[in-house]
Amino acid sequence: FCDIHSFMKANILVLPSPHHAFTDAKGKFKIENAPAGTYYAVGWHDRLKSVSLPVTVKAGETVKVDLTIQDKTGQ
């Protein structure tokens, strides 16, 4: 982190899964080829409160998940 230049920062996330995504400009994301099973979808931001939801993936089906990240006060 740089106290002068806010764009000069880095965050490293060590994820226990190869299945992850970044949101696009509209806040949408897609994770393809996830094997069937139950997972936790986690939305994370370095300055906001993260959110975690259980998601069950069934073979051949598409699952839609809404991860709304709120500020740390819950708003």
N, C-alpha and C. Protein backbone atom coordinates (compact mmCIF):
# COMPACT_ATOMS: atom_id res chain seq x y z
N PHE A 1 0.84 -1.19 0.00
CA PHE A 1 0.00 0.00 0.00
C PHE A 1 0.88 1.25 0.00
N CYS A 2 0.42 2.26 -0.70
CA CYS A 2 1.15 3.53 -0.76
C CYS A 2 0.24 4.62 -0.20
N ASP A 3 0.71 5.35 0.79
CA ASP A 3 -0.10 6.39 1.41
C ASP A 3 -0.31 7.60 0.50
N ILE A 4 0.48 7.73 -0.53
CA ILE A 4 0.38 8.88 -1.43
C ILE A 4 -0.42 8.54 -2.69
N HIS A 5 -0.15 7.40 -3.27
CA HIS A 5 -0.79 6.99 -4.53
C HIS A 5 -1.73 5.82 -4.26
N SER A 6 -3.03 6.10 -4.21
CA SER A 6 -4.00 5.05 -3.86
C SER A 6 -4.04 3.91 -4.88
N PHE A 7 -3.62 4.18 -6.13
CA PHE A 7 -3.62 3.12 -7.14
C PHE A 7 -2.45 2.16 -6.98
N MET A 8 -1.51 2.50 -6.12
CA MET A 8 -0.34 1.65 -5.91
C MET A 8 -0.57 0.75 -4.70
N LYS A 9 -1.34 -0.29 -4.92
CA LYS A 9 -1.62 -1.25 -3.86
C LYS A 9 -1.80 -2.62 -4.48
N ALA A 10 -1.73 -3.63 -3.67
CA ALA A 10 -1.95 -4.99 -4.14
C ALA A 10 -2.62 -5.79 -3.03
N ASN A 11 -3.46 -6.68 -3.43
CA ASN A 11 -4.08 -7.62 -2.51
C ASN A 11 -3.83 -9.01 -3.06
N ILE A 12 -3.48 -9.92 -2.20
CA ILE A 12 -3.24 -11.30 -2.61
C ILE A 12 -4.25 -12.18 -1.91
N LEU A 13 -5.03 -12.90 -2.70
CA LEU A 13 -6.00 -13.84 -2.15
C LEU A 13 -5.51 -15.25 -2.45
N VAL A 14 -5.36 -16.05 -1.43
CA VAL A 14 -5.00 -17.45 -1.62
C VAL A 14 -6.31 -18.23 -1.52
N LEU A 15 -6.73 -18.79 -2.63
CA LEU A 15 -8.02 -19.47 -2.70
C LEU A 15 -7.84 -20.97 -2.74
N PRO A 16 -8.65 -21.69 -1.98
CA PRO A 16 -8.52 -23.15 -1.97
C PRO A 16 -9.19 -23.83 -3.16
N SER A 17 -9.53 -23.08 -4.19
CA SER A 17 -10.21 -23.64 -5.35
C SER A 17 -9.71 -22.98 -6.63
N PRO A 18 -9.64 -23.72 -7.72
CA PRO A 18 -9.27 -23.12 -9.00
C PRO A 18 -10.44 -22.38 -9.65
N HIS A 19 -11.63 -22.47 -9.06
CA HIS A 19 -12.83 -21.86 -9.64
C HIS A 19 -13.08 -20.51 -8.99
N HIS A 20 -12.78 -19.45 -9.75
CA HIS A 20 -12.97 -18.10 -9.24
C HIS A 20 -13.20 -17.16 -10.42
N ALA A 21 -13.65 -15.95 -10.14
CA ALA A 21 -13.92 -14.98 -11.20
C ALA A 21 -13.81 -13.57 -10.66
N PHE A 22 -13.58 -12.64 -11.58
CA PHE A 22 -13.64 -11.22 -11.27
C PHE A 22 -14.91 -10.68 -11.92
N THR A 23 -15.48 -9.67 -11.33
CA THR A 23 -16.67 -9.07 -11.93
C THR A 23 -16.28 -8.21 -13.13
N ASP A 24 -17.24 -8.06 -14.04
CA ASP A 24 -17.03 -7.17 -15.17
C ASP A 24 -17.45 -5.75 -14.77
N ALA A 25 -17.50 -4.83 -15.72
CA ALA A 25 -17.84 -3.43 -15.42
C ALA A 25 -19.26 -3.28 -14.86
N LYS A 26 -20.13 -4.26 -15.13
CA LYS A 26 -21.50 -4.21 -14.62
C LYS A 26 -21.67 -5.00 -13.32
N GLY A 27 -20.58 -5.54 -12.81
CA GLY A 27 -20.65 -6.31 -11.57
C GLY A 27 -21.07 -7.75 -11.76
N LYS A 28 -21.08 -8.24 -12.97
CA LYS A 28 -21.49 -9.62 -13.25
C LYS A 28 -20.25 -10.51 -13.38
N PHE A 29 -20.43 -11.78 -13.07
CA PHE A 29 -19.34 -12.73 -13.18
C PHE A 29 -19.86 -14.08 -13.62
N LYS A 30 -18.97 -14.92 -14.14
CA LYS A 30 -19.34 -16.27 -14.57
C LYS A 30 -18.20 -17.21 -14.20
N ILE A 31 -18.56 -18.32 -13.60
CA ILE A 31 -17.60 -19.38 -13.31
C ILE A 31 -18.06 -20.60 -14.10
N GLU A 32 -17.24 -21.03 -15.04
CA GLU A 32 -17.62 -22.15 -15.89
C GLU A 32 -16.89 -23.42 -15.48
N ASN A 33 -17.50 -24.55 -15.80
CA ASN A 33 -16.91 -25.88 -15.61
C ASN A 33 -16.68 -26.24 -14.15
N ALA A 34 -17.48 -25.70 -13.25
CA ALA A 34 -17.38 -26.13 -11.85
C ALA A 34 -18.04 -27.49 -11.73
N PRO A 35 -17.39 -28.45 -11.11
CA PRO A 35 -17.99 -29.77 -10.95
C PRO A 35 -19.22 -29.71 -10.04
N ALA A 36 -20.12 -30.66 -10.21
CA ALA A 36 -21.30 -30.74 -9.37
C ALA A 36 -20.88 -30.85 -7.91
N GLY A 37 -21.65 -30.20 -7.04
CA GLY A 37 -21.35 -30.23 -5.61
C GLY A 37 -21.87 -29.00 -4.93
N THR A 38 -21.66 -28.90 -3.64
CA THR A 38 -22.07 -27.73 -2.86
C THR A 38 -20.83 -26.94 -2.49
N TYR A 39 -20.89 -25.64 -2.73
CA TYR A 39 -19.76 -24.73 -2.53
C TYR A 39 -20.24 -23.49 -1.78
N TYR A 40 -19.31 -22.65 -1.43
CA TYR A 40 -19.64 -21.31 -0.92
C TYR A 40 -19.17 -20.30 -1.94
N ALA A 41 -20.09 -19.45 -2.39
CA ALA A 41 -19.73 -18.33 -3.25
C ALA A 41 -19.40 -17.17 -2.31
N VAL A 42 -18.22 -16.59 -2.48
CA VAL A 42 -17.77 -15.52 -1.59
C VAL A 42 -17.52 -14.27 -2.41
N GLY A 43 -18.14 -13.17 -2.00
CA GLY A 43 -17.88 -11.88 -2.60
C GLY A 43 -16.96 -11.11 -1.66
N TRP A 44 -15.85 -10.59 -2.17
CA TRP A 44 -14.86 -9.95 -1.31
C TRP A 44 -14.44 -8.62 -1.92
N HIS A 45 -14.23 -7.63 -1.08
CA HIS A 45 -13.70 -6.32 -1.47
C HIS A 45 -12.80 -5.87 -0.33
N ASP A 46 -11.67 -5.25 -0.65
CA ASP A 46 -10.71 -4.91 0.40
C ASP A 46 -11.21 -3.86 1.38
N ARG A 47 -12.24 -3.09 1.03
CA ARG A 47 -12.73 -2.05 1.93
C ARG A 47 -14.17 -2.26 2.38
N LEU A 48 -14.79 -3.35 1.97
CA LEU A 48 -16.19 -3.59 2.30
C LEU A 48 -16.35 -4.95 2.99
N LYS A 49 -17.50 -5.16 3.59
CA LYS A 49 -17.80 -6.41 4.27
C LYS A 49 -18.03 -7.52 3.23
N SER A 50 -17.35 -8.65 3.38
CA SER A 50 -17.53 -9.74 2.43
C SER A 50 -18.86 -10.45 2.67
N VAL A 51 -19.27 -11.23 1.69
CA VAL A 51 -20.51 -12.00 1.79
C VAL A 51 -20.22 -13.42 1.31
N SER A 52 -20.87 -14.39 1.94
CA SER A 52 -20.67 -15.79 1.61
C SER A 52 -22.02 -16.50 1.56
N LEU A 53 -22.29 -17.21 0.47
CA LEU A 53 -23.55 -17.92 0.31
C LEU A 53 -23.30 -19.35 -0.15
N PRO A 54 -24.04 -20.33 0.41
CA PRO A 54 -23.91 -21.70 -0.10
C PRO A 54 -24.56 -21.81 -1.47
N VAL A 55 -23.91 -22.55 -2.38
CA VAL A 55 -24.42 -22.75 -3.73
C VAL A 55 -24.30 -24.22 -4.08
N THR A 56 -25.39 -24.81 -4.55
CA THR A 56 -25.35 -26.20 -5.00
C THR A 56 -25.37 -26.23 -6.52
N VAL A 57 -24.34 -26.83 -7.10
CA VAL A 57 -24.22 -26.95 -8.55
C VAL A 57 -24.62 -28.36 -8.94
N LYS A 58 -25.56 -28.46 -9.90
CA LYS A 58 -25.97 -29.77 -10.41
C LYS A 58 -25.45 -29.91 -11.83
N ALA A 59 -25.05 -31.11 -12.20
CA ALA A 59 -24.46 -31.37 -13.53
C ALA A 59 -25.40 -30.88 -14.64
N GLY A 60 -24.85 -30.12 -15.58
CA GLY A 60 -25.61 -29.66 -16.73
C GLY A 60 -26.55 -28.49 -16.46
N GLU A 61 -26.56 -27.95 -15.26
CA GLU A 61 -27.46 -26.84 -14.94
C GLU A 61 -26.68 -25.56 -14.68
N THR A 62 -27.36 -24.43 -14.90
CA THR A 62 -26.80 -23.11 -14.60
C THR A 62 -27.39 -22.63 -13.29
N VAL A 63 -26.56 -22.06 -12.44
CA VAL A 63 -27.00 -21.53 -11.15
C VAL A 63 -26.75 -20.03 -11.14
N LYS A 64 -27.76 -19.26 -10.77
CA LYS A 64 -27.59 -17.81 -10.63
C LYS A 64 -27.45 -17.48 -9.15
N VAL A 65 -26.48 -16.63 -8.85
CA VAL A 65 -26.19 -16.24 -7.46
C VAL A 65 -26.13 -14.72 -7.39
N ASP A 66 -26.77 -14.14 -6.38
CA ASP A 66 -26.71 -12.69 -6.17
C ASP A 66 -25.86 -12.43 -4.94
N LEU A 67 -24.66 -11.91 -5.15
CA LEU A 67 -23.76 -11.56 -4.04
C LEU A 67 -23.73 -10.05 -3.94
N THR A 68 -24.47 -9.50 -3.01
CA THR A 68 -24.50 -8.07 -2.81
C THR A 68 -23.57 -7.73 -1.66
N ILE A 69 -22.51 -6.96 -1.95
CA ILE A 69 -21.54 -6.60 -0.94
C ILE A 69 -21.94 -5.25 -0.33
N GLN A 70 -22.01 -5.21 0.99
CA GLN A 70 -22.39 -3.99 1.70
C GLN A 70 -21.20 -3.40 2.40
N ASP A 71 -21.34 -2.15 2.85
CA ASP A 71 -20.24 -1.57 3.61
C ASP A 71 -20.15 -2.26 4.97
N LYS A 72 -19.12 -1.97 5.72
CA LYS A 72 -18.85 -2.70 6.98
C LYS A 72 -19.91 -2.45 8.05
N THR A 73 -20.78 -1.46 7.86
CA THR A 73 -21.86 -1.23 8.83
C THR A 73 -23.10 -2.03 8.47
N GLY A 74 -23.05 -2.73 7.30
CA GLY A 74 -24.18 -3.56 6.88
C GLY A 74 -25.16 -2.83 6.01
N GLN A 75 -24.79 -1.66 5.50
CA GLN A 75 -25.71 -0.89 4.64
C GLN A 75 -25.27 -0.91 3.21
